[in-house]
Structures are given as C-alpha cells and as structure tokens.
Amino acid sequence: MQILPTKILVTGAQGLLGSNLCARLRGHYETLGLVRSFRPEAAYEGIDYVEGDIADRNTVISLLKKFHPKYIINAAAYTHVDACEHEREQCWKVNAEAVGHLAAGARMIDARIVTVSTDYVFDGKAGPYRESDKPNPLGYYGKSKLASENEVRLSGADYAIARTMVLYGTAPAARPNFVTWLIDMLQQGREVRIVDDQYGNPTLASELAEALIALMRSTHSGVYHISGSEMLSRYDFACQIAEVFGLDAGLISRIKTSELGQAAPRPLRSGFIIEKAVQDLGITMSGSREGLLKFQQEMELQQHRLV
C-alpha cells in the first residue's frame, strides 16, 4: 500500500519566512504555497503554488477543503507597521480576519494551525517578555496581531501561536530587511542613523522556520516566544553587522526613536524569554553574532546558486 506524503499549506509562501519554510519542507511533505501574486523567480522546485487572497473567506475555505492539509502554517501578514496606522482596514483584513478564516477552516477539516505573531503585542515597557505576560499593544499593527491570536484561540482548532521579532535572512527575491538594507547602505559608503533605544532579539529566518516546523510537529498548543536568544539595541546590532561583514561602523550614528517621527509607536524595550520554546520543542536559537555568521554563509550559498 502506498503511503501518501503529509500535506502542508504555507501562506505567505514567497515572503522571507514563507520561503525559508518551503525550502525546508520540500522533499519531506506535499507542500502547497499560497501567495497573493506568484513570482517565478521566488519559487522553489518541489513546491506547488496557488494564488489567492487569504482575506477572502470563501477562497480560504474552498482551498482548505480541496487540498485538505494536515497542517497549516500562516506566514502571511501585513507587516508595514507605519502603513498599518493609515491603511487600517487592509491591515485588519490580512492580520486579523484572514487568520480567523484559516483557523475556522482548520477546525472544519481537523487540521493543526500554527500562526506567527509579534512582540508588538506588548508595549515595550518591561521586556524581555514571557508568554504569560499581559499584552498591551501600542499601535494598530500590534492590535491587529493580538486580534489574530484571539481568533485562533477561540476557533476551536488545534493551534499554536509563535511570536517573533526583528526577522532577517535571505530568500530568493526577498524584500530588504534590516540586515540586508544596512549591508547595502554601508557597502555604498552611505551614512545611516540607527536607534539606540529600541531593544529586541534579532531572529534568523531559517532558524525560525525550523522552529515553526518543530512546533507544527509537536502536540503543544498555546503561545510560544521564538526569537534569537540575545537581546540588544538596534544600534548595537547594526555595529555587529558592520563587524561581521567587514564594513565601516563609523558610518553608523546613534539616534533616538522620538527623532524619527514615525507614524506608529514602537515597543522600545521589547525582547523575549524563549525558555519555554527551547524546553518544549528542543530547539536552539542563535545569539546575534552567531546568527549573523550563519546568515553570511546562507548569503554565500544563495549567490553560488545564482551564478
């Protein structure tokens, strides 16, 4: 008798996290990547892709009934924090309502759903945070992500929520993230201003993807904080990036968040305590320098593939 491979649906499958998930799932599972708009240059062999809007309930339910995955990993989100303050309807549809559709569908077909949330559910006054700490989002992005957590909790589906932060990494045709943006600016010899009063745990996308797969396979439910293991300021992280990549840290100057005049308030002293995830899932998450060295290797491998 032929044993069919386990089916997994990954949303946001061509974003930074979704691509890293697909890279690790292919060959082991029958993986379907749901994307808003398919980009051939960002596709992986061994992954099937389908276009669709996760904010459309009928699209989501129909797809889940047809594909019938055992697992759903939701890596899709509207993550432009400042734009969320102005485009609130779209932010809410993608970050909150869409997750509700996925969770309702998961319950309908008896699938397990793992969804990704953020440190922005906290106000950043008392980090680093444990899973048991009370959320208090400052901006609309954080409010929408907290709402998504509640949608999953109340759905009746088998679920787990993974909160993360300061995500960086590499993937085919991925949009710039803090690390890749900074490297590009310093390579051009351009001066940059980096805040020294925002603290968090930089998280390598490939490590987060592996941790999410471990969470998916587990029987654990509830909220997990999954991030890099080291908390530091954005400025100190920027200086580490310059050091690891042999760039001029003298081009980096300190600035306070209040000087930037950003539309969305930021949780300043954020950060996670990740003991629960490490213990329950048996994962290892790198500190900031170790993560950057792994990222450097990943970039070199990707460049070799493109040659």
C-alpha atoms as a PDB file:
ATOM      1  CA  MET A   1       0.000   0.000   0.000  1.00  0.00           C
ATOM      2  CA  GLN A   2       1.376   3.406  -0.972  1.00  0.00           C
ATOM      3  CA  ILE A   3       1.816   5.867   1.904  1.00  0.00           C
ATOM      4  CA  LEU A   4       0.893   9.362   0.771  1.00  0.00           C
ATOM      5  CA  PRO A   5       3.014  12.277   1.991  1.00  0.00           C
ATOM      6  CA  THR A   6       1.591  14.558   4.665  1.00  0.00           C
ATOM      7  CA  LYS A   7       0.071  17.730   3.240  1.00  0.00           C
ATOM      8  CA  ILE A   8       1.023  21.204   4.462  1.00  0.00           C
ATOM      9  CA  LEU A   9      -0.336  24.595   3.432  1.00  0.00           C
ATOM     10  CA  VAL A  10       2.042  27.550   3.842  1.00  0.00           C
ATOM     11  CA  THR A  11       0.584  31.033   3.466  1.00  0.00           C
ATOM     12  CA  GLY A  12       2.823  33.943   2.513  1.00  0.00           C
ATOM     13  CA  ALA A  13       4.920  31.273   0.824  1.00  0.00           C
ATOM     14  CA  GLN A  14       7.167  33.653  -1.139  1.00  0.00           C
ATOM     15  CA  GLY A  15       7.938  36.059   1.680  1.00  0.00           C
ATOM     16  CA  LEU A  16      11.124  35.792   3.719  1.00  0.00           C
ATOM     17  CA  LEU A  17       9.737  33.400   6.322  1.00  0.00           C
ATOM     18  CA  GLY A  18       7.463  31.514   3.932  1.00  0.00           C
ATOM     19  CA  SER A  19      10.344  30.897   1.519  1.00  0.00           C
ATOM     20  CA  ASN A  20      12.522  29.583   4.335  1.00  0.00           C
ATOM     21  CA  LEU A  21       9.696  27.276   5.388  1.00  0.00           C
ATOM     22  CA  CYS A  22       9.212  25.957   1.844  1.00  0.00           C
ATOM     23  CA  ALA A  23      12.958  25.374   1.460  1.00  0.00           C
ATOM     24  CA  ARG A  24      12.880  23.067   4.499  1.00  0.00           C
ATOM     25  CA  LEU A  25       9.540  21.347   3.848  1.00  0.00           C
ATOM     26  CA  ARG A  26      10.091  20.355   0.217  1.00  0.00           C
ATOM     27  CA  GLY A  27      11.032  16.731  -0.267  1.00  0.00           C
ATOM     28  CA  HIS A  28       9.545  15.814   3.104  1.00  0.00           C
ATOM     29  CA  TYR A  29       5.918  16.912   2.742  1.00  0.00           C
ATOM     30  CA  GLU A  30       3.433  17.646  -0.020  1.00  0.00           C
ATOM     31  CA  THR A  31       3.590  21.412   0.351  1.00  0.00           C
ATOM     32  CA  LEU A  32       1.261  23.955  -1.204  1.00  0.00           C
ATOM     33  CA  GLY A  33       2.314  27.582  -1.044  1.00  0.00           C
ATOM     34  CA  LEU A  34      -0.459  30.160  -1.024  1.00  0.00           C
ATOM     35  CA  VAL A  35       0.630  33.545  -2.426  1.00  0.00           C
ATOM     36  CA  ARG A  36      -1.133  36.767  -3.283  1.00  0.00           C
ATOM     37  CA  SER A  37       0.733  37.047  -6.579  1.00  0.00           C
ATOM     38  CA  PHE A  38       3.024  34.289  -7.846  1.00  0.00           C
ATOM     39  CA  ARG A  39       6.634  35.255  -8.678  1.00  0.00           C
ATOM     40  CA  PRO A  40       8.545  32.602 -10.672  1.00  0.00           C
ATOM     41  CA  GLU A  41      11.919  33.998  -9.557  1.00  0.00           C
ATOM     42  CA  ALA A  42      10.979  33.320  -5.919  1.00  0.00           C
ATOM     43  CA  ALA A  43       9.707  29.771  -6.440  1.00  0.00           C
ATOM     44  CA  TYR A  44      11.277  26.549  -5.170  1.00  0.00           C
ATOM     45  CA  GLU A  45      11.293  23.297  -7.102  1.00  0.00           C
ATOM     46  CA  GLY A  46       9.216  20.688  -5.329  1.00  0.00           C
ATOM     47  CA  ILE A  47       6.673  23.224  -4.077  1.00  0.00           C
ATOM     48  CA  ASP A  48       3.295  23.801  -5.703  1.00  0.00           C
ATOM     49  CA  TYR A  49       1.974  27.355  -5.564  1.00  0.00           C
ATOM     50  CA  VAL A  50      -1.513  28.778  -5.824  1.00  0.00           C
ATOM     51  CA  GLU A  51      -2.643  32.386  -5.948  1.00  0.00           C
ATOM     52  CA  GLY A  52      -5.330  33.562  -3.581  1.00  0.00           C
ATOM     53  CA  ASP A  53      -6.358  36.227  -1.100  1.00  0.00           C
ATOM     54  CA  ILE A  54      -6.375  34.929   2.479  1.00  0.00           C
ATOM     55  CA  ALA A  55      -8.650  37.821   3.433  1.00  0.00           C
ATOM     56  CA  ASP A  56     -11.379  36.231   1.277  1.00  0.00           C
ATOM     57  CA  ARG A  57     -13.152  33.659   3.446  1.00  0.00           C
ATOM     58  CA  ASN A  58     -14.654  31.731   0.533  1.00  0.00           C
ATOM     59  CA  THR A  59     -11.239  31.403  -1.140  1.00  0.00           C
ATOM     60  CA  VAL A  60      -9.659  30.112   2.067  1.00  0.00           C
ATOM     61  CA  ILE A  61     -12.380  27.609   2.956  1.00  0.00           C
ATOM     62  CA  SER A  62     -12.617  26.311  -0.610  1.00  0.00           C
ATOM     63  CA  LEU A  63      -8.847  25.829  -0.829  1.00  0.00           C
ATOM     64  CA  LEU A  64      -8.645  24.045   2.512  1.00  0.00           C
ATOM     65  CA  LYS A  65     -11.477  21.687   1.621  1.00  0.00           C
ATOM     66  CA  LYS A  66      -9.894  20.891  -1.739  1.00  0.00           C
ATOM     67  CA  PHE A  67      -6.273  20.454  -0.596  1.00  0.00           C
ATOM     68  CA  HIS A  68      -7.138  19.128   2.864  1.00  0.00           C
ATOM     69  CA  PRO A  69      -3.790  19.699   4.592  1.00  0.00           C
ATOM     70  CA  LYS A  70      -2.904  18.136   7.916  1.00  0.00           C
ATOM     71  CA  TYR A  71      -1.004  21.280   8.888  1.00  0.00           C
ATOM     72  CA  ILE A  72      -1.350  24.991   8.120  1.00  0.00           C
ATOM     73  CA  ILE A  73       1.498  27.408   8.775  1.00  0.00           C
ATOM     74  CA  ASN A  74       0.428  31.022   8.438  1.00  0.00           C
ATOM     75  CA  ALA A  75       3.441  33.128   7.481  1.00  0.00           C
ATOM     76  CA  ALA A  76       1.399  35.829   5.732  1.00  0.00           C
ATOM     77  CA  ALA A  77       0.986  39.253   7.294  1.00  0.00           C
ATOM     78  CA  TYR A  78       0.737  42.949   6.599  1.00  0.00           C
ATOM     79  CA  THR A  79       3.985  43.974   8.299  1.00  0.00           C
ATOM     80  CA  HIS A  80       4.467  47.598   7.222  1.00  0.00           C
ATOM     81  CA  VAL A  81       3.994  48.950  10.729  1.00  0.00           C
ATOM     82  CA  ASP A  82       3.640  52.635   9.825  1.00  0.00           C
ATOM     83  CA  ALA A  83       1.310  51.965   6.891  1.00  0.00           C
ATOM     84  CA  CYS A  84      -0.935  49.962   9.228  1.00  0.00           C
ATOM     85  CA  GLU A  85      -1.763  53.224  11.038  1.00  0.00           C
ATOM     86  CA  HIS A  86      -3.225  54.674   7.829  1.00  0.00           C
ATOM     87  CA  GLU A  87      -4.443  51.575   5.984  1.00  0.00           C
ATOM     88  CA  ARG A  88      -6.296  50.126   8.949  1.00  0.00           C
ATOM     89  CA  GLU A  89      -8.972  48.266   7.024  1.00  0.00           C
ATOM     90  CA  GLN A  90      -6.450  46.371   4.915  1.00  0.00           C
ATOM     91  CA  CYS A  91      -4.249  45.717   7.945  1.00  0.00           C
ATOM     92  CA  TRP A  92      -7.182  44.247   9.882  1.00  0.00           C
ATOM     93  CA  LYS A  93      -8.350  42.112   6.970  1.00  0.00           C
ATOM     94  CA  VAL A  94      -4.919  40.494   6.457  1.00  0.00           C
ATOM     95  CA  ASN A  95      -3.648  40.315  10.030  1.00  0.00           C
ATOM     96  CA  ALA A  96      -6.845  39.521  11.928  1.00  0.00           C
ATOM     97  CA  GLU A  97      -9.811  38.463   9.785  1.00  0.00           C
ATOM     98  CA  ALA A  98      -7.759  36.277   7.433  1.00  0.00           C
ATOM     99  CA  VAL A  99      -6.295  34.353  10.359  1.00  0.00           C
ATOM    100  CA  GLY A 100      -9.817  33.787  11.591  1.00  0.00           C
ATOM    101  CA  HIS A 101     -10.722  32.287   8.195  1.00  0.00           C
ATOM    102  CA  LEU A 102      -7.691  29.980   8.311  1.00  0.00           C
ATOM    103  CA  ALA A 103      -8.441  28.891  11.872  1.00  0.00           C
ATOM    104  CA  ALA A 104     -12.116  28.247  11.106  1.00  0.00           C
ATOM    105  CA  GLY A 105     -11.087  26.210   8.084  1.00  0.00           C
ATOM    106  CA  ALA A 106      -8.530  24.308  10.140  1.00  0.00           C
ATOM    107  CA  ARG A 107     -11.228  23.288  12.604  1.00  0.00           C
ATOM    108  CA  MET A 108     -13.543  22.317   9.752  1.00  0.00           C
ATOM    109  CA  ILE A 109     -11.038  19.869   8.231  1.00  0.00           C
ATOM    110  CA  ASP A 110      -9.394  18.857  11.525  1.00  0.00           C
ATOM    111  CA  ALA A 111      -6.008  20.432  10.644  1.00  0.00           C
ATOM    112  CA  ARG A 112      -3.460  21.914  13.036  1.00  0.00           C
ATOM    113  CA  ILE A 113      -2.695  25.601  12.517  1.00  0.00           C
ATOM    114  CA  VAL A 114       0.490  27.404  13.510  1.00  0.00           C
ATOM    115  CA  THR A 115       0.359  31.171  13.102  1.00  0.00           C
ATOM    116  CA  VAL A 116       3.057  33.794  13.550  1.00  0.00           C
ATOM    117  CA  SER A 117       2.607  36.822  15.803  1.00  0.00           C
ATOM    118  CA  THR A 118       4.878  39.567  17.085  1.00  0.00           C
ATOM    119  CA  ASP A 119       6.435  41.369  20.035  1.00  0.00           C
ATOM    120  CA  TYR A 120       4.334  44.386  19.012  1.00  0.00           C
ATOM    121  CA  VAL A 121       1.502  42.902  21.086  1.00  0.00           C
ATOM    122  CA  PHE A 122       3.456  44.326  24.063  1.00  0.00           C
ATOM    123  CA  ASP A 123       4.045  47.975  24.974  1.00  0.00           C
ATOM    124  CA  GLY A 124       7.802  47.536  25.365  1.00  0.00           C
ATOM    125  CA  LYS A 125       7.990  48.970  28.871  1.00  0.00           C
ATOM    126  CA  ALA A 126       9.130  45.832  30.706  1.00  0.00           C
ATOM    127  CA  GLY A 127      10.861  43.451  28.294  1.00  0.00           C
ATOM    128  CA  PRO A 128      12.099  40.842  27.888  1.00  0.00           C
ATOM    129  CA  TYR A 129       8.706  39.153  27.994  1.00  0.00           C
ATOM    130  CA  ARG A 130       7.453  35.695  28.851  1.00  0.00           C
ATOM    131  CA  GLU A 131       4.409  34.106  27.222  1.00  0.00           C
ATOM    132  CA  SER A 132       2.424  34.691  30.430  1.00  0.00           C
ATOM    133  CA  ASP A 133       2.946  38.482  30.396  1.00  0.00           C
ATOM    134  CA  LYS A 134      -0.092  40.589  29.584  1.00  0.00           C
ATOM    135  CA  PRO A 135      -0.186  42.105  26.079  1.00  0.00           C
ATOM    136  CA  ASN A 136      -0.764  45.825  25.647  1.00  0.00           C
ATOM    137  CA  PRO A 137      -0.188  46.830  22.015  1.00  0.00           C
ATOM    138  CA  LEU A 138       0.620  50.465  21.293  1.00  0.00           C
ATOM    139  CA  GLY A 139      -0.139  50.672  17.572  1.00  0.00           C
ATOM    140  CA  TYR A 140      -2.649  49.305  15.097  1.00  0.00           C
ATOM    141  CA  TYR A 141      -0.280  46.634  13.769  1.00  0.00           C
ATOM    142  CA  GLY A 142       0.133  45.185  17.261  1.00  0.00           C
ATOM    143  CA  LYS A 143      -3.608  45.385  17.887  1.00  0.00           C
ATOM    144  CA  SER A 144      -4.338  43.512  14.663  1.00  0.00           C
ATOM    145  CA  LYS A 145      -1.841  40.775  15.543  1.00  0.00           C
ATOM    146  CA  LEU A 146      -3.262  40.391  19.052  1.00  0.00           C
ATOM    147  CA  ALA A 147      -6.694  40.079  17.465  1.00  0.00           C
ATOM    148  CA  SER A 148      -5.328  37.320  15.215  1.00  0.00           C
ATOM    149  CA  GLU A 149      -4.132  35.437  18.292  1.00  0.00           C
ATOM    150  CA  ASN A 150      -7.604  35.668  19.786  1.00  0.00           C
ATOM    151  CA  GLU A 151      -9.187  34.465  16.533  1.00  0.00           C
ATOM    152  CA  VAL A 152      -7.061  31.318  16.686  1.00  0.00           C
ATOM    153  CA  ARG A 153      -7.623  30.752  20.401  1.00  0.00           C
ATOM    154  CA  LEU A 154     -11.394  30.969  20.055  1.00  0.00           C
ATOM    155  CA  SER A 155     -11.654  28.937  16.845  1.00  0.00           C
ATOM    156  CA  GLY A 156     -11.709  25.515  18.461  1.00  0.00           C
ATOM    157  CA  ALA A 157      -8.921  24.374  16.136  1.00  0.00           C
ATOM    158  CA  ASP A 158      -5.740  22.581  17.201  1.00  0.00           C
ATOM    159  CA  TYR A 159      -3.368  25.541  17.250  1.00  0.00           C
ATOM    160  CA  ALA A 160      -0.093  27.084  18.312  1.00  0.00           C
ATOM    161  CA  ILE A 161       0.981  30.728  18.161  1.00  0.00           C
ATOM    162  CA  ALA A 162       4.625  31.690  17.652  1.00  0.00           C
ATOM    163  CA  ARG A 163       5.555  35.258  18.499  1.00  0.00           C
ATOM    164  CA  THR A 164       8.792  36.521  16.968  1.00  0.00           C
ATOM    165  CA  MET A 165      10.653  39.772  16.248  1.00  0.00           C
ATOM    166  CA  VAL A 166      13.395  41.537  14.266  1.00  0.00           C
ATOM    167  CA  LEU A 167      13.331  38.947  11.492  1.00  0.00           C
ATOM    168  CA  TYR A 168      16.172  38.871   8.975  1.00  0.00           C
ATOM    169  CA  GLY A 169      17.579  36.389   6.495  1.00  0.00           C
ATOM    170  CA  THR A 170      17.839  35.520   2.850  1.00  0.00           C
ATOM    171  CA  ALA A 171      15.446  34.026   0.298  1.00  0.00           C
ATOM    172  CA  PRO A 172      15.012  34.186  -3.483  1.00  0.00           C
ATOM    173  CA  ALA A 173      13.812  37.677  -4.490  1.00  0.00           C
ATOM    174  CA  ALA A 174      13.052  38.580  -0.868  1.00  0.00           C
ATOM    175  CA  ARG A 175      12.351  42.186   0.034  1.00  0.00           C
ATOM    176  CA  PRO A 176      15.045  44.006   2.049  1.00  0.00           C
ATOM    177  CA  ASN A 177      15.080  43.501   5.814  1.00  0.00           C
ATOM    178  CA  PHE A 178      17.031  45.434   8.436  1.00  0.00           C
ATOM    179  CA  VAL A 179      20.232  43.441   7.935  1.00  0.00           C
ATOM    180  CA  THR A 180      20.242  43.354   4.137  1.00  0.00           C
ATOM    181  CA  TRP A 181      19.288  47.048   3.989  1.00  0.00           C
ATOM    182  CA  LEU A 182      22.100  48.032   6.337  1.00  0.00           C
ATOM    183  CA  ILE A 183      24.692  45.950   4.475  1.00  0.00           C
ATOM    184  CA  ASP A 184      23.649  47.579   1.191  1.00  0.00           C
ATOM    185  CA  MET A 185      23.851  51.086   2.657  1.00  0.00           C
ATOM    186  CA  LEU A 186      27.277  50.544   4.221  1.00  0.00           C
ATOM    187  CA  GLN A 187      28.639  48.916   1.069  1.00  0.00           C
ATOM    188  CA  GLN A 188      27.652  52.090  -0.790  1.00  0.00           C
ATOM    189  CA  GLY A 189      29.505  54.143   1.830  1.00  0.00           C
ATOM    190  CA  ARG A 190      26.310  55.872   2.925  1.00  0.00           C
ATOM    191  CA  GLU A 191      25.791  57.182   6.450  1.00  0.00           C
ATOM    192  CA  VAL A 192      22.901  55.702   8.432  1.00  0.00           C
ATOM    193  CA  ARG A 193      21.130  56.672  11.632  1.00  0.00           C
ATOM    194  CA  ILE A 194      20.094  53.754  13.867  1.00  0.00           C
ATOM    195  CA  VAL A 195      18.049  53.957  17.041  1.00  0.00           C
ATOM    196  CA  ASP A 196      19.816  53.019  20.249  1.00  0.00           C
ATOM    197  CA  ASP A 197      16.699  52.941  22.454  1.00  0.00           C
ATOM    198  CA  GLN A 198      14.848  50.052  20.762  1.00  0.00           C
ATOM    199  CA  TYR A 199      15.770  46.648  22.154  1.00  0.00           C
ATOM    200  CA  GLY A 200      14.857  43.225  20.838  1.00  0.00           C
ATOM    201  CA  ASN A 201      16.089  39.782  19.834  1.00  0.00           C
ATOM    202  CA  PRO A 202      17.263  39.577  16.197  1.00  0.00           C
ATOM    203  CA  THR A 203      15.891  36.371  14.664  1.00  0.00           C
ATOM    204  CA  LEU A 204      17.341  34.468  11.706  1.00  0.00           C
ATOM    205  CA  ALA A 205      14.538  33.404   9.345  1.00  0.00           C
ATOM    206  CA  SER A 206      15.993  29.951   8.664  1.00  0.00           C
ATOM    207  CA  GLU A 207      16.143  29.180  12.400  1.00  0.00           C
ATOM    208  CA  LEU A 208      12.610  30.459  12.927  1.00  0.00           C
ATOM    209  CA  ALA A 209      11.409  28.256  10.046  1.00  0.00           C
ATOM    210  CA  GLU A 210      12.986  25.181  11.636  1.00  0.00           C
ATOM    211  CA  ALA A 211      11.445  26.081  14.995  1.00  0.00           C
ATOM    212  CA  LEU A 212       7.996  26.519  13.413  1.00  0.00           C
ATOM    213  CA  ILE A 213       8.243  23.097  11.800  1.00  0.00           C
ATOM    214  CA  ALA A 214       9.159  21.626  15.202  1.00  0.00           C
ATOM    215  CA  LEU A 215       6.163  23.419  16.728  1.00  0.00           C
ATOM    216  CA  MET A 216       3.946  22.160  13.912  1.00  0.00           C
ATOM    217  CA  ARG A 217       5.006  18.554  14.513  1.00  0.00           C
ATOM    218  CA  SER A 218       4.575  18.822  18.266  1.00  0.00           C
ATOM    219  CA  THR A 219       1.441  18.301  20.311  1.00  0.00           C
ATOM    220  CA  HIS A 220       1.967  21.567  22.192  1.00  0.00           C
ATOM    221  CA  SER A 221      -0.637  24.314  21.962  1.00  0.00           C
ATOM    222  CA  GLY A 222      -0.784  27.895  23.157  1.00  0.00           C
ATOM    223  CA  VAL A 223       1.698  30.734  22.754  1.00  0.00           C
ATOM    224  CA  TYR A 224       5.446  30.369  22.252  1.00  0.00           C
ATOM    225  CA  HIS A 225       8.075  33.090  22.126  1.00  0.00           C
ATOM    226  CA  ILE A 226      10.539  32.108  19.401  1.00  0.00           C
ATOM    227  CA  SER A 227      13.336  34.507  18.552  1.00  0.00           C
ATOM    228  CA  GLY A 228      17.082  34.815  18.632  1.00  0.00           C
ATOM    229  CA  SER A 229      18.475  34.171  22.096  1.00  0.00           C
ATOM    230  CA  GLU A 230      20.130  37.567  22.640  1.00  0.00           C
ATOM    231  CA  MET A 231      18.501  40.911  23.383  1.00  0.00           C
ATOM    232  CA  LEU A 232      20.307  44.079  22.302  1.00  0.00           C
ATOM    233  CA  SER A 233      19.660  47.532  20.859  1.00  0.00           C
ATOM    234  CA  ARG A 234      19.252  48.119  17.121  1.00  0.00           C
ATOM    235  CA  TYR A 235      22.374  50.294  17.207  1.00  0.00           C
ATOM    236  CA  ASP A 236      24.496  47.581  18.834  1.00  0.00           C
ATOM    237  CA  PHE A 237      23.102  45.047  16.365  1.00  0.00           C
ATOM    238  CA  ALA A 238      23.996  47.364  13.480  1.00  0.00           C
ATOM    239  CA  CYS A 239      27.562  47.632  14.759  1.00  0.00           C
ATOM    240  CA  GLN A 240      27.767  43.834  14.912  1.00  0.00           C
ATOM    241  CA  ILE A 241      26.529  43.609  11.329  1.00  0.00           C
ATOM    242  CA  ALA A 242      29.262  46.006  10.216  1.00  0.00           C
ATOM    243  CA  GLU A 243      31.892  43.985  12.088  1.00  0.00           C
ATOM    244  CA  VAL A 244      30.823  40.589  10.752  1.00  0.00           C
ATOM    245  CA  PHE A 245      30.650  41.824   7.156  1.00  0.00           C
ATOM    246  CA  GLY A 246      33.821  43.910   7.328  1.00  0.00           C
ATOM    247  CA  LEU A 247      32.040  47.229   6.792  1.00  0.00           C
ATOM    248  CA  ASP A 248      32.656  50.704   8.228  1.00  0.00           C
ATOM    249  CA  ALA A 249      30.825  51.064  11.555  1.00  0.00           C
ATOM    250  CA  GLY A 250      31.886  54.719  11.551  1.00  0.00           C
ATOM    251  CA  LEU A 251      29.074  55.357   9.075  1.00  0.00           C
ATOM    252  CA  ILE A 252      26.536  54.387  11.759  1.00  0.00           C
ATOM    253  CA  SER A 253      25.340  57.129  14.099  1.00  0.00           C
ATOM    254  CA  ARG A 254      23.027  56.880  17.109  1.00  0.00           C
ATOM    255  CA  ILE A 255      19.551  58.352  17.138  1.00  0.00           C
ATOM    256  CA  LYS A 256      16.513  58.182  19.415  1.00  0.00           C
ATOM    257  CA  THR A 257      13.218  56.738  18.190  1.00  0.00           C
ATOM    258  CA  SER A 258      11.441  60.009  19.020  1.00  0.00           C
ATOM    259  CA  GLU A 259      13.616  61.828  16.468  1.00  0.00           C
ATOM    260  CA  LEU A 260      12.315  59.746  13.562  1.00  0.00           C
ATOM    261  CA  GLY A 261       8.712  60.974  13.696  1.00  0.00           C
ATOM    262  CA  GLN A 262       7.307  57.575  12.696  1.00  0.00           C
ATOM    263  CA  ALA A 263       3.559  57.142  12.333  1.00  0.00           C
ATOM    264  CA  ALA A 264       3.367  54.044  14.534  1.00  0.00           C
ATOM    265  CA  PRO A 265       4.599  53.886  18.127  1.00  0.00           C
ATOM    266  CA  ARG A 266       7.239  51.217  18.773  1.00  0.00           C
ATOM    267  CA  PRO A 267       7.663  48.988  21.838  1.00  0.00           C
ATOM    268  CA  LEU A 268      11.089  50.243  22.923  1.00  0.00           C
ATOM    269  CA  ARG A 269      12.270  47.731  25.490  1.00  0.00           C
ATOM    270  CA  SER A 270      10.909  44.575  23.957  1.00  0.00           C
ATOM    271  CA  GLY A 271      12.704  41.234  23.846  1.00  0.00           C
ATOM    272  CA  PHE A 272      11.646  37.664  24.580  1.00  0.00           C
ATOM    273  CA  ILE A 273      12.472  34.988  27.103  1.00  0.00           C
ATOM    274  CA  ILE A 274      12.476  31.810  24.992  1.00  0.00           C
ATOM    275  CA  GLU A 275      12.987  29.134  27.671  1.00  0.00           C
ATOM    276  CA  LYS A 276       9.558  27.570  27.089  1.00  0.00           C
ATOM    277  CA  ALA A 277      10.169  27.034  23.367  1.00  0.00           C
ATOM    278  CA  VAL A 278      13.696  25.712  23.909  1.00  0.00           C
ATOM    279  CA  GLN A 279      12.499  23.259  26.538  1.00  0.00           C
ATOM    280  CA  ASP A 280       9.262  22.078  24.908  1.00  0.00           C
ATOM    281  CA  LEU A 281      10.468  21.951  21.305  1.00  0.00           C
ATOM    282  CA  GLY A 282      14.123  21.018  21.755  1.00  0.00           C
ATOM    283  CA  ILE A 283      15.239  23.905  19.538  1.00  0.00           C
ATOM    284  CA  THR A 284      18.397  26.017  19.617  1.00  0.00           C
ATOM    285  CA  MET A 285      18.239  29.696  18.672  1.00  0.00           C
ATOM    286  CA  SER A 286      21.418  31.656  17.964  1.00  0.00           C
ATOM    287  CA  GLY A 287      22.629  34.805  19.627  1.00  0.00           C
ATOM    288  CA  SER A 288      23.055  37.869  17.426  1.00  0.00           C
ATOM    289  CA  ARG A 289      26.649  37.335  16.278  1.00  0.00           C
ATOM    290  CA  GLU A 290      26.224  33.595  15.720  1.00  0.00           C
ATOM    291  CA  GLY A 291      23.061  34.273  13.737  1.00  0.00           C
ATOM    292  CA  LEU A 292      24.857  36.815  11.551  1.00  0.00           C
ATOM    293  CA  LEU A 293      27.647  34.339  10.803  1.00  0.00           C
ATOM    294  CA  LYS A 294      25.036  31.741   9.753  1.00  0.00           C
ATOM    295  CA  PHE A 295      23.307  34.379   7.654  1.00  0.00           C
ATOM    296  CA  GLN A 296      26.618  35.213   5.967  1.00  0.00           C
ATOM    297  CA  GLN A 297      27.012  31.557   4.971  1.00  0.00           C
ATOM    298  CA  GLU A 298      23.436  31.436   3.681  1.00  0.00           C
ATOM    299  CA  MET A 299      24.027  34.513   1.517  1.00  0.00           C
ATOM    300  CA  GLU A 300      27.169  32.999   0.034  1.00  0.00           C
ATOM    301  CA  LEU A 301      25.322  29.749  -0.770  1.00  0.00           C
ATOM    302  CA  GLN A 302      22.499  31.632  -2.438  1.00  0.00           C
ATOM    303  CA  GLN A 303      24.940  33.686  -4.519  1.00  0.00           C
ATOM    304  CA  HIS A 304      26.636  30.477  -5.685  1.00  0.00           C
ATOM    305  CA  ARG A 305      23.266  29.094  -6.772  1.00  0.00           C
ATOM    306  CA  LEU A 306      22.609  32.202  -8.844  1.00  0.00           C
ATOM    307  CA  VAL A 307      25.961  32.049 -10.639  1.00  0.00           C
END
